[in-house]
Amino acid sequence: MTCEYNVQLCFARPMGWGGGELAEEAEALLRWLFAGATLDVERMEPEEGLDIVVARLNGLATWSTELQLLDWMDERMPEDWWIWIAGCKAEVIPKEDAGPCRIKKRRMA
């Protein structure tokens, strides 16, 4: 069954770490991982010597729980990126098929 997901990830990394900019690297990684999702990447003010980026994703997938989504991310995200995740919020919303062009939220009884 198709579900909508919303994911917010906060990345924090020492300023100047590596060769690139954190926001650009995080955006490239998330576009690869969540191909087709809506992605918004926001650079935050550096704090205590850290570059901080918040990424918000929204899309459709077949996960039915937040745990399934996080397990999927765990299997696919490069291991060296996990140390930069400072926070994660995930929500999976079950949907009901409403015809060939529409999807609506499933009413929970």
PDB file of N, CA and C in Angstrom:
ATOM      1  N   MET A   1       0.843  -1.172   0.000  1.00  0.00           N
ATOM      2  CA  MET A   1       0.000   0.000   0.000  1.00  0.00           C
ATOM      3  C   MET A   1       0.895   1.245   0.000  1.00  0.00           C
ATOM      4  N   THR A   2       0.456   2.248  -0.689  1.00  0.00           N
ATOM      5  CA  THR A   2       1.199   3.503  -0.755  1.00  0.00           C
ATOM      6  C   THR A   2       0.955   4.331   0.504  1.00  0.00           C
ATOM      7  N   CYS A   3       2.034   4.890   1.032  1.00  0.00           N
ATOM      8  CA  CYS A   3       1.956   5.771   2.190  1.00  0.00           C
ATOM      9  C   CYS A   3       2.727   7.045   1.889  1.00  0.00           C
ATOM     10  N   GLU A   4       2.305   8.115   2.519  1.00  0.00           N
ATOM     11  CA  GLU A   4       3.045   9.372   2.427  1.00  0.00           C
ATOM     12  C   GLU A   4       4.044   9.403   3.581  1.00  0.00           C
ATOM     13  N   TYR A   5       5.212   9.965   3.336  1.00  0.00           N
ATOM     14  CA  TYR A   5       6.178  10.101   4.416  1.00  0.00           C
ATOM     15  C   TYR A   5       6.674  11.535   4.499  1.00  0.00           C
ATOM     16  N   ASN A   6       6.985  11.929   5.716  1.00  0.00           N
ATOM     17  CA  ASN A   6       7.628  13.210   6.008  1.00  0.00           C
ATOM     18  C   ASN A   6       8.843  12.890   6.865  1.00  0.00           C
ATOM     19  N   VAL A   7       9.991  13.341   6.440  1.00  0.00           N
ATOM     20  CA  VAL A   7      11.225  13.104   7.187  1.00  0.00           C
ATOM     21  C   VAL A   7      11.935  14.439   7.367  1.00  0.00           C
ATOM     22  N   GLN A   8      12.393  14.683   8.572  1.00  0.00           N
ATOM     23  CA  GLN A   8      13.240  15.846   8.845  1.00  0.00           C
ATOM     24  C   GLN A   8      14.544  15.319   9.431  1.00  0.00           C
ATOM     25  N   LEU A   9      15.646  15.736   8.836  1.00  0.00           N
ATOM     26  CA  LEU A   9      16.963  15.327   9.308  1.00  0.00           C
ATOM     27  C   LEU A   9      17.779  16.567   9.623  1.00  0.00           C
ATOM     28  N   CYS A  10      18.457  16.543  10.740  1.00  0.00           N
ATOM     29  CA  CYS A  10      19.368  17.625  11.100  1.00  0.00           C
ATOM     30  C   CYS A  10      20.783  17.061  11.054  1.00  0.00           C
ATOM     31  N   PHE A  11      21.627  17.688  10.245  1.00  0.00           N
ATOM     32  CA  PHE A  11      23.030  17.295  10.139  1.00  0.00           C
ATOM     33  C   PHE A  11      23.881  18.367  10.806  1.00  0.00           C
ATOM     34  N   ALA A  12      24.867  17.944  11.584  1.00  0.00           N
ATOM     35  CA  ALA A  12      25.814  18.871  12.208  1.00  0.00           C
ATOM     36  C   ALA A  12      27.216  18.299  12.020  1.00  0.00           C
ATOM     37  N   ARG A  13      28.116  19.148  11.527  1.00  0.00           N
ATOM     38  CA  ARG A  13      29.478  18.701  11.222  1.00  0.00           C
ATOM     39  C   ARG A  13      30.438  19.851  11.503  1.00  0.00           C
ATOM     40  N   PRO A  14      31.646  19.557  11.999  1.00  0.00           N
ATOM     41  CA  PRO A  14      32.606  20.640  12.250  1.00  0.00           C
ATOM     42  C   PRO A  14      32.822  21.480  10.991  1.00  0.00           C
ATOM     43  N   MET A  15      32.880  22.778  11.177  1.00  0.00           N
ATOM     44  CA  MET A  15      33.077  23.688  10.044  1.00  0.00           C
ATOM     45  C   MET A  15      34.388  23.352   9.341  1.00  0.00           C
ATOM     46  N   GLY A  16      34.342  23.344   8.006  1.00  0.00           N
ATOM     47  CA  GLY A  16      35.531  23.077   7.217  1.00  0.00           C
ATOM     48  C   GLY A  16      35.889  21.607   7.084  1.00  0.00           C
ATOM     49  N   TRP A  17      35.090  20.722   7.645  1.00  0.00           N
ATOM     50  CA  TRP A  17      35.368  19.287   7.558  1.00  0.00           C
ATOM     51  C   TRP A  17      35.191  18.822   6.117  1.00  0.00           C
ATOM     52  N   GLY A  18      36.126  18.071   5.610  1.00  0.00           N
ATOM     53  CA  GLY A  18      36.026  17.574   4.242  1.00  0.00           C
ATOM     54  C   GLY A  18      36.235  18.703   3.248  1.00  0.00           C
ATOM     55  N   GLY A  19      36.023  18.390   1.998  1.00  0.00           N
ATOM     56  CA  GLY A  19      36.296  19.370   0.959  1.00  0.00           C
ATOM     57  C   GLY A  19      35.107  20.193   0.531  1.00  0.00           C
ATOM     58  N   GLY A  20      33.888  19.722   0.803  1.00  0.00           N
ATOM     59  CA  GLY A  20      32.711  20.408   0.286  1.00  0.00           C
ATOM     60  C   GLY A  20      31.880  21.061   1.366  1.00  0.00           C
ATOM     61  N   GLU A  21      30.804  21.659   0.912  1.00  0.00           N
ATOM     62  CA  GLU A  21      29.867  22.318   1.816  1.00  0.00           C
ATOM     63  C   GLU A  21      28.826  21.301   2.272  1.00  0.00           C
ATOM     64  N   LEU A  22      28.530  21.285   3.557  1.00  0.00           N
ATOM     65  CA  LEU A  22      27.615  20.307   4.137  1.00  0.00           C
ATOM     66  C   LEU A  22      26.255  20.322   3.454  1.00  0.00           C
ATOM     67  N   ALA A  23      25.687  21.493   3.221  1.00  0.00           N
ATOM     68  CA  ALA A  23      24.349  21.580   2.620  1.00  0.00           C
ATOM     69  C   ALA A  23      24.328  20.936   1.237  1.00  0.00           C
ATOM     70  N   GLU A  24      25.331  21.206   0.428  1.00  0.00           N
ATOM     71  CA  GLU A  24      25.378  20.641  -0.924  1.00  0.00           C
ATOM     72  C   GLU A  24      25.573  19.134  -0.885  1.00  0.00           C
ATOM     73  N   GLU A  25      26.434  18.657   0.004  1.00  0.00           N
ATOM     74  CA  GLU A  25      26.675  17.219   0.115  1.00  0.00           C
ATOM     75  C   GLU A  25      25.436  16.490   0.630  1.00  0.00           C
ATOM     76  N   ALA A  26      24.770  17.063   1.639  1.00  0.00           N
ATOM     77  CA  ALA A  26      23.558  16.444   2.184  1.00  0.00           C
ATOM     78  C   ALA A  26      22.456  16.414   1.134  1.00  0.00           C
ATOM     79  N   GLU A  27      22.306  17.504   0.380  1.00  0.00           N
ATOM     80  CA  GLU A  27      21.282  17.545  -0.662  1.00  0.00           C
ATOM     81  C   GLU A  27      21.539  16.484  -1.723  1.00  0.00           C
ATOM     82  N   ALA A  28      22.773  16.335  -2.161  1.00  0.00           N
ATOM     83  CA  ALA A  28      23.106  15.323  -3.170  1.00  0.00           C
ATOM     84  C   ALA A  28      22.815  13.920  -2.646  1.00  0.00           C
ATOM     85  N   LEU A  29      23.191  13.652  -1.403  1.00  0.00           N
ATOM     86  CA  LEU A  29      22.938  12.340  -0.808  1.00  0.00           C
ATOM     87  C   LEU A  29      21.442  12.049  -0.731  1.00  0.00           C
ATOM     88  N   LEU A  30      20.667  13.016  -0.234  1.00  0.00           N
ATOM     89  CA  LEU A  30      19.233  12.793  -0.044  1.00  0.00           C
ATOM     90  C   LEU A  30      18.488  12.710  -1.369  1.00  0.00           C
ATOM     91  N   ARG A  31      18.910  13.443  -2.386  1.00  0.00           N
ATOM     92  CA  ARG A  31      18.286  13.312  -3.713  1.00  0.00           C
ATOM     93  C   ARG A  31      18.538  11.921  -4.286  1.00  0.00           C
ATOM     94  N   TRP A  32      19.708  11.361  -3.994  1.00  0.00           N
ATOM     95  CA  TRP A  32      20.017  10.004  -4.445  1.00  0.00           C
ATOM     96  C   TRP A  32      19.203   8.974  -3.655  1.00  0.00           C
ATOM     97  N   LEU A  33      19.142   9.128  -2.318  1.00  0.00           N
ATOM     98  CA  LEU A  33      18.414   8.175  -1.478  1.00  0.00           C
ATOM     99  C   LEU A  33      16.909   8.232  -1.708  1.00  0.00           C
ATOM    100  N   PHE A  34      16.360   9.433  -1.757  1.00  0.00           N
ATOM    101  CA  PHE A  34      14.918   9.634  -1.845  1.00  0.00           C
ATOM    102  C   PHE A  34      14.557  10.219  -3.211  1.00  0.00           C
ATOM    103  N   ALA A  35      14.958   9.535  -4.266  1.00  0.00           N
ATOM    104  CA  ALA A  35      14.688  10.010  -5.632  1.00  0.00           C
ATOM    105  C   ALA A  35      13.185  10.232  -5.808  1.00  0.00           C
ATOM    106  N   GLY A  36      12.817  11.386  -6.329  1.00  0.00           N
ATOM    107  CA  GLY A  36      11.415  11.709  -6.572  1.00  0.00           C
ATOM    108  C   GLY A  36      10.729  12.422  -5.422  1.00  0.00           C
ATOM    109  N   ALA A  37      11.369  12.487  -4.267  1.00  0.00           N
ATOM    110  CA  ALA A  37      10.762  13.161  -3.116  1.00  0.00           C
ATOM    111  C   ALA A  37      10.928  14.669  -3.242  1.00  0.00           C
ATOM    112  N   THR A  38      10.044  15.390  -2.578  1.00  0.00           N
ATOM    113  CA  THR A  38      10.211  16.829  -2.442  1.00  0.00           C
ATOM    114  C   THR A  38      11.256  17.044  -1.353  1.00  0.00           C
ATOM    115  N   LEU A  39      12.249  17.865  -1.637  1.00  0.00           N
ATOM    116  CA  LEU A  39      13.348  18.074  -0.700  1.00  0.00           C
ATOM    117  C   LEU A  39      13.588  19.564  -0.499  1.00  0.00           C
ATOM    118  N   ASP A  40      13.674  19.962   0.764  1.00  0.00           N
ATOM    119  CA  ASP A  40      14.018  21.338   1.119  1.00  0.00           C
ATOM    120  C   ASP A  40      15.202  21.272   2.075  1.00  0.00           C
ATOM    121  N   VAL A  41      16.295  21.921   1.707  1.00  0.00           N
ATOM    122  CA  VAL A  41      17.496  21.932   2.542  1.00  0.00           C
ATOM    123  C   VAL A  41      17.719  23.356   3.043  1.00  0.00           C
ATOM    124  N   GLU A  42      17.807  23.500   4.351  1.00  0.00           N
ATOM    125  CA  GLU A  42      17.973  24.824   4.957  1.00  0.00           C
ATOM    126  C   GLU A  42      19.289  24.887   5.731  1.00  0.00           C
ATOM    127  N   ARG A  43      20.108  25.849   5.366  1.00  0.00           N
ATOM    128  CA  ARG A  43      21.358  26.093   6.101  1.00  0.00           C
ATOM    129  C   ARG A  43      21.016  26.909   7.349  1.00  0.00           C
ATOM    130  N   MET A  44      21.473  26.447   8.472  1.00  0.00           N
ATOM    131  CA  MET A  44      21.260  27.169   9.722  1.00  0.00           C
ATOM    132  C   MET A  44      22.529  27.957  10.041  1.00  0.00           C
ATOM    133  N   GLU A  45      22.424  28.887  10.973  1.00  0.00           N
ATOM    134  CA  GLU A  45      23.598  29.644  11.412  1.00  0.00           C
ATOM    135  C   GLU A  45      24.576  28.682  12.087  1.00  0.00           C
ATOM    136  N   PRO A  46      25.870  28.791  11.763  1.00  0.00           N
ATOM    137  CA  PRO A  46      26.851  27.945  12.460  1.00  0.00           C
ATOM    138  C   PRO A  46      26.756  28.166  13.968  1.00  0.00           C
ATOM    139  N   GLU A  47      26.954  27.089  14.706  1.00  0.00           N
ATOM    140  CA  GLU A  47      26.834  27.160  16.157  1.00  0.00           C
ATOM    141  C   GLU A  47      27.942  26.327  16.790  1.00  0.00           C
ATOM    142  N   GLU A  48      28.687  26.918  17.692  1.00  0.00           N
ATOM    143  CA  GLU A  48      29.762  26.233  18.413  1.00  0.00           C
ATOM    144  C   GLU A  48      30.724  25.521  17.462  1.00  0.00           C
ATOM    145  N   GLY A  49      31.058  26.180  16.348  1.00  0.00           N
ATOM    146  CA  GLY A  49      32.010  25.621  15.400  1.00  0.00           C
ATOM    147  C   GLY A  49      31.455  24.533  14.501  1.00  0.00           C
ATOM    148  N   LEU A  50      30.125  24.417  14.441  1.00  0.00           N
ATOM    149  CA  LEU A  50      29.490  23.381  13.626  1.00  0.00           C
ATOM    150  C   LEU A  50      28.691  23.993  12.486  1.00  0.00           C
ATOM    151  N   ASP A  51      28.799  23.386  11.299  1.00  0.00           N
ATOM    152  CA  ASP A  51      27.871  23.678  10.208  1.00  0.00           C
ATOM    153  C   ASP A  51      26.615  22.875  10.497  1.00  0.00           C
ATOM    154  N   ILE A  52      25.454  23.499  10.355  1.00  0.00           N
ATOM    155  CA  ILE A  52      24.185  22.831  10.654  1.00  0.00           C
ATOM    156  C   ILE A  52      23.261  22.975   9.457  1.00  0.00           C
ATOM    157  N   VAL A  53      22.660  21.848   9.071  1.00  0.00           N
ATOM    158  CA  VAL A  53      21.737  21.807   7.941  1.00  0.00           C
ATOM    159  C   VAL A  53      20.509  21.014   8.364  1.00  0.00           C
ATOM    160  N   VAL A  54      19.328  21.526   8.032  1.00  0.00           N
ATOM    161  CA  VAL A  54      18.083  20.802   8.268  1.00  0.00           C
ATOM    162  C   VAL A  54      17.482  20.475   6.908  1.00  0.00           C
ATOM    163  N   ALA A  55      17.188  19.196   6.698  1.00  0.00           N
ATOM    164  CA  ALA A  55      16.596  18.736   5.439  1.00  0.00           C
ATOM    165  C   ALA A  55      15.198  18.202   5.722  1.00  0.00           C
ATOM    166  N   ARG A  56      14.242  18.620   4.881  1.00  0.00           N
ATOM    167  CA  ARG A  56      12.856  18.159   5.002  1.00  0.00           C
ATOM    168  C   ARG A  56      12.480  17.444   3.714  1.00  0.00           C
ATOM    169  N   LEU A  57      11.974  16.221   3.853  1.00  0.00           N
ATOM    170  CA  LEU A  57      11.597  15.412   2.699  1.00  0.00           C
ATOM    171  C   LEU A  57      10.135  15.017   2.805  1.00  0.00           C
ATOM    172  N   ASN A  58       9.486  14.922   1.658  1.00  0.00           N
ATOM    173  CA  ASN A  58       8.099  14.470   1.586  1.00  0.00           C
ATOM    174  C   ASN A  58       7.942  13.680   0.304  1.00  0.00           C
ATOM    175  N   GLY A  59       7.268  12.532   0.402  1.00  0.00           N
ATOM    176  CA  GLY A  59       7.050  11.729  -0.792  1.00  0.00           C
ATOM    177  C   GLY A  59       6.107  10.573  -0.515  1.00  0.00           C
ATOM    178  N   LEU A  60       6.008   9.690  -1.493  1.00  0.00           N
ATOM    179  CA  LEU A  60       5.178   8.497  -1.386  1.00  0.00           C
ATOM    180  C   LEU A  60       6.071   7.269  -1.467  1.00  0.00           C
ATOM    181  N   ALA A  61       5.745   6.252  -0.686  1.00  0.00           N
ATOM    182  CA  ALA A  61       6.513   5.006  -0.692  1.00  0.00           C
ATOM    183  C   ALA A  61       5.628   3.885  -0.155  1.00  0.00           C
ATOM    184  N   THR A  62       6.197   2.699  -0.051  1.00  0.00           N
ATOM    185  CA  THR A  62       5.421   1.549   0.412  1.00  0.00           C
ATOM    186  C   THR A  62       5.666   1.216   1.879  1.00  0.00           C
ATOM    187  N   TRP A  63       6.432   2.032   2.590  1.00  0.00           N
ATOM    188  CA  TRP A  63       6.620   1.775   4.015  1.00  0.00           C
ATOM    189  C   TRP A  63       5.288   1.973   4.725  1.00  0.00           C
ATOM    190  N   SER A  64       5.035   1.146   5.726  1.00  0.00           N
ATOM    191  CA  SER A  64       3.791   1.325   6.470  1.00  0.00           C
ATOM    192  C   SER A  64       4.037   1.842   7.888  1.00  0.00           C
ATOM    193  N   THR A  65       5.300   1.874   8.307  1.00  0.00           N
ATOM    194  CA  THR A  65       5.627   2.391   9.638  1.00  0.00           C
ATOM    195  C   THR A  65       6.912   3.216   9.577  1.00  0.00           C
ATOM    196  N   GLU A  66       7.097   4.017  10.591  1.00  0.00           N
ATOM    197  CA  GLU A  66       8.319   4.805  10.696  1.00  0.00           C
ATOM    198  C   GLU A  66       9.534   3.899  10.848  1.00  0.00           C
ATOM    199  N   LEU A  67       9.370   2.779  11.566  1.00  0.00           N
ATOM    200  CA  LEU A  67      10.479   1.844  11.752  1.00  0.00           C
ATOM    201  C   LEU A  67      10.944   1.266  10.419  1.00  0.00           C
ATOM    202  N   GLN A  68      10.011   0.929   9.537  1.00  0.00           N
ATOM    203  CA  GLN A  68      10.384   0.430   8.209  1.00  0.00           C
ATOM    204  C   GLN A  68      11.169   1.484   7.435  1.00  0.00           C
ATOM    205  N   LEU A  69      10.742   2.723   7.505  1.00  0.00           N
ATOM    206  CA  LEU A  69      11.449   3.805   6.824  1.00  0.00           C
ATOM    207  C   LEU A  69      12.862   3.952   7.372  1.00  0.00           C
ATOM    208  N   LEU A  70      13.015   3.950   8.693  1.00  0.00           N
ATOM    209  CA  LEU A  70      14.337   4.097   9.301  1.00  0.00           C
ATOM    210  C   LEU A  70      15.231   2.899   9.001  1.00  0.00           C
ATOM    211  N   ASP A  71      14.666   1.693   8.981  1.00  0.00           N
ATOM    212  CA  ASP A  71      15.443   0.507   8.598  1.00  0.00           C
ATOM    213  C   ASP A  71      15.926   0.630   7.160  1.00  0.00           C
ATOM    214  N   TRP A  72      15.060   1.123   6.276  1.00  0.00           N
ATOM    215  CA  TRP A  72      15.426   1.322   4.870  1.00  0.00           C
ATOM    216  C   TRP A  72      16.579   2.316   4.770  1.00  0.00           C
ATOM    217  N   MET A  73      16.483   3.420   5.513  1.00  0.00           N
ATOM    218  CA  MET A  73      17.566   4.411   5.515  1.00  0.00           C
ATOM    219  C   MET A  73      18.859   3.801   6.050  1.00  0.00           C
ATOM    220  N   ASP A  74      18.752   3.008   7.103  1.00  0.00           N
ATOM    221  CA  ASP A  74      19.927   2.393   7.714  1.00  0.00           C
ATOM    222  C   ASP A  74      20.663   1.489   6.725  1.00  0.00           C
ATOM    223  N   GLU A  75      19.912   0.789   5.896  1.00  0.00           N
ATOM    224  CA  GLU A  75      20.510  -0.117   4.913  1.00  0.00           C
ATOM    225  C   GLU A  75      21.185   0.633   3.773  1.00  0.00           C
ATOM    226  N   ARG A  76      20.704   1.819   3.431  1.00  0.00           N
ATOM    227  CA  ARG A  76      21.166   2.513   2.229  1.00  0.00           C
ATOM    228  C   ARG A  76      22.081   3.707   2.461  1.00  0.00           C
ATOM    229  N   MET A  77      21.932   4.364   3.594  1.00  0.00           N
ATOM    230  CA  MET A  77      22.745   5.559   3.830  1.00  0.00           C
ATOM    231  C   MET A  77      24.189   5.145   4.114  1.00  0.00           C
ATOM    232  N   PRO A  78      25.145   5.800   3.470  1.00  0.00           N
ATOM    233  CA  PRO A  78      26.548   5.483   3.751  1.00  0.00           C
ATOM    234  C   PRO A  78      26.846   5.624   5.245  1.00  0.00           C
ATOM    235  N   GLU A  79      27.602   4.674   5.747  1.00  0.00           N
ATOM    236  CA  GLU A  79      27.864   4.612   7.183  1.00  0.00           C
ATOM    237  C   GLU A  79      28.496   5.889   7.735  1.00  0.00           C
ATOM    238  N   ASP A  80      29.383   6.512   6.956  1.00  0.00           N
ATOM    239  CA  ASP A  80      30.057   7.709   7.464  1.00  0.00           C
ATOM    240  C   ASP A  80      29.117   8.903   7.626  1.00  0.00           C
ATOM    241  N   TRP A  81      27.918   8.843   7.055  1.00  0.00           N
ATOM    242  CA  TRP A  81      26.959   9.943   7.223  1.00  0.00           C
ATOM    243  C   TRP A  81      26.220   9.865   8.548  1.00  0.00           C
ATOM    244  N   TRP A  82      26.101   8.696   9.136  1.00  0.00           N
ATOM    245  CA  TRP A  82      25.335   8.558  10.371  1.00  0.00           C
ATOM    246  C   TRP A  82      25.922   9.382  11.516  1.00  0.00           C
ATOM    247  N   ILE A  83      27.239   9.599  11.513  1.00  0.00           N
ATOM    248  CA  ILE A  83      27.828  10.366  12.621  1.00  0.00           C
ATOM    249  C   ILE A  83      27.460  11.843  12.557  1.00  0.00           C
ATOM    250  N   TRP A  84      26.997  12.317  11.395  1.00  0.00           N
ATOM    251  CA  TRP A  84      26.649  13.737  11.257  1.00  0.00           C
ATOM    252  C   TRP A  84      25.168  14.008  11.535  1.00  0.00           C
ATOM    253  N   ILE A  85      24.374  12.961  11.720  1.00  0.00           N
ATOM    254  CA  ILE A  85      22.947  13.172  11.998  1.00  0.00           C
ATOM    255  C   ILE A  85      22.782  13.559  13.466  1.00  0.00           C
ATOM    256  N   ALA A  86      22.292  14.772  13.680  1.00  0.00           N
ATOM    257  CA  ALA A  86      22.085  15.277  15.035  1.00  0.00           C
ATOM    258  C   ALA A  86      20.636  15.104  15.479  1.00  0.00           C
ATOM    259  N   GLY A  87      19.735  14.850  14.530  1.00  0.00           N
ATOM    260  CA  GLY A  87      18.334  14.668  14.863  1.00  0.00           C
ATOM    261  C   GLY A  87      17.566  14.126  13.677  1.00  0.00           C
ATOM    262  N   CYS A  88      16.507  13.387  13.984  1.00  0.00           N
ATOM    263  CA  CYS A  88      15.680  12.794  12.930  1.00  0.00           C
ATOM    264  C   CYS A  88      14.236  12.729  13.420  1.00  0.00           C
ATOM    265  N   LYS A  89      13.331  13.133  12.550  1.00  0.00           N
ATOM    266  CA  LYS A  89      11.903  13.018  12.835  1.00  0.00           C
ATOM    267  C   LYS A  89      11.274  12.399  11.596  1.00  0.00           C
ATOM    268  N   ALA A  90      10.554  11.306  11.773  1.00  0.00           N
ATOM    269  CA  ALA A  90       9.954  10.608  10.639  1.00  0.00           C
ATOM    270  C   ALA A  90       8.482  10.333  10.920  1.00  0.00           C
ATOM    271  N   GLU A  91       7.680  10.482   9.880  1.00  0.00           N
ATOM    272  CA  GLU A  91       6.242  10.228   9.977  1.00  0.00           C
ATOM    273  C   GLU A  91       5.805   9.512   8.707  1.00  0.00           C
ATOM    274  N   VAL A  92       5.081   8.403   8.877  1.00  0.00           N
ATOM    275  CA  VAL A  92       4.519   7.665   7.750  1.00  0.00           C
ATOM    276  C   VAL A  92       2.999   7.708   7.897  1.00  0.00           C
ATOM    277  N   ILE A  93       2.330   8.177   6.837  1.00  0.00           N
ATOM    278  CA  ILE A  93       0.883   8.372   6.873  1.00  0.00           C
ATOM    279  C   ILE A  93       0.236   7.420   5.877  1.00  0.00           C
ATOM    280  N   PRO A  94      -0.527   6.419   6.359  1.00  0.00           N
ATOM    281  CA  PRO A  94      -1.197   5.497   5.437  1.00  0.00           C
ATOM    282  C   PRO A  94      -2.166   6.247   4.525  1.00  0.00           C
ATOM    283  N   LYS A  95      -2.227   5.819   3.268  1.00  0.00           N
ATOM    284  CA  LYS A  95      -3.118   6.427   2.278  1.00  0.00           C
ATOM    285  C   LYS A  95      -4.049   5.360   1.728  1.00  0.00           C
ATOM    286  N   GLU A  96      -5.128   5.825   1.177  1.00  0.00           N
ATOM    287  CA  GLU A  96      -6.130   4.948   0.580  1.00  0.00           C
ATOM    288  C   GLU A  96      -6.249   5.331  -0.884  1.00  0.00           C
ATOM    289  N   ASP A  97      -6.297   4.345  -1.744  1.00  0.00           N
ATOM    290  CA  ASP A  97      -6.434   4.623  -3.175  1.00  0.00           C
ATOM    291  C   ASP A  97      -7.798   5.253  -3.419  1.00  0.00           C
ATOM    292  N   ALA A  98      -7.804   6.371  -4.126  1.00  0.00           N
ATOM    293  CA  ALA A  98      -9.055   7.081  -4.406  1.00  0.00           C
ATOM    294  C   ALA A  98      -9.226   7.267  -5.905  1.00  0.00           C
ATOM    295  N   GLY A  99      -8.737   6.318  -6.683  1.00  0.00           N
ATOM    296  CA  GLY A  99      -8.845   6.425  -8.134  1.00  0.00           C
ATOM    297  C   GLY A  99      -7.483   6.536  -8.779  1.00  0.00           C
ATOM    298  N   PRO A 100      -7.449   6.597 -10.099  1.00  0.00           N
ATOM    299  CA  PRO A 100      -6.173   6.571 -10.803  1.00  0.00           C
ATOM    300  C   PRO A 100      -5.310   7.815 -10.609  1.00  0.00           C
ATOM    301  N   CYS A 101      -5.881   8.925 -10.223  1.00  0.00           N
ATOM    302  CA  CYS A 101      -5.103  10.168 -10.128  1.00  0.00           C
ATOM    303  C   CYS A 101      -5.106  10.775  -8.735  1.00  0.00           C
ATOM    304  N   ARG A 102      -5.733  10.118  -7.772  1.00  0.00           N
ATOM    305  CA  ARG A 102      -5.860  10.729  -6.452  1.00  0.00           C
ATOM    306  C   ARG A 102      -5.506   9.726  -5.360  1.00  0.00           C
ATOM    307  N   ILE A 103      -4.926  10.220  -4.322  1.00  0.00           N
ATOM    308  CA  ILE A 103      -4.680   9.434  -3.121  1.00  0.00           C
ATOM    309  C   ILE A 103      -5.157  10.282  -1.959  1.00  0.00           C
ATOM    310  N   LYS A 104      -5.842   9.666  -1.026  1.00  0.00           N
ATOM    311  CA  LYS A 104      -6.306  10.420   0.133  1.00  0.00           C
ATOM    312  C   LYS A 104      -5.898   9.702   1.410  1.00  0.00           C
ATOM    313  N   LYS A 105      -5.952  10.416   2.518  1.00  0.00           N
ATOM    314  CA  LYS A 105      -5.601   9.825   3.801  1.00  0.00           C
ATOM    315  C   LYS A 105      -6.628   8.769   4.161  1.00  0.00           C
ATOM    316  N   ARG A 106      -6.127   7.658   4.711  1.00  0.00           N
ATOM    317  CA  ARG A 106      -7.030   6.618   5.158  1.00  0.00           C
ATOM    318  C   ARG A 106      -7.572   7.011   6.522  1.00  0.00           C
ATOM    319  N   ARG A 107      -8.848   6.865   6.703  1.00  0.00           N
ATOM    320  CA  ARG A 107      -9.456   7.183   7.996  1.00  0.00           C
ATOM    321  C   ARG A 107      -9.201   6.030   8.949  1.00  0.00           C
ATOM    322  N   MET A 108      -8.641   6.368  10.079  1.00  0.00           N
ATOM    323  CA  MET A 108      -8.373   5.360  11.098  1.00  0.00           C
ATOM    324  C   MET A 108      -9.572   5.311  12.032  1.00  0.00           C
ATOM    325  N   ALA A 109     -10.097   4.115  12.269  1.00  0.00           N
ATOM    326  CA  ALA A 109     -11.281   3.963  13.118  1.00  0.00           C
ATOM    327  C   ALA A 109     -10.913   3.835  14.563  1.00  0.00           C
TER     328      ALA A 109
END
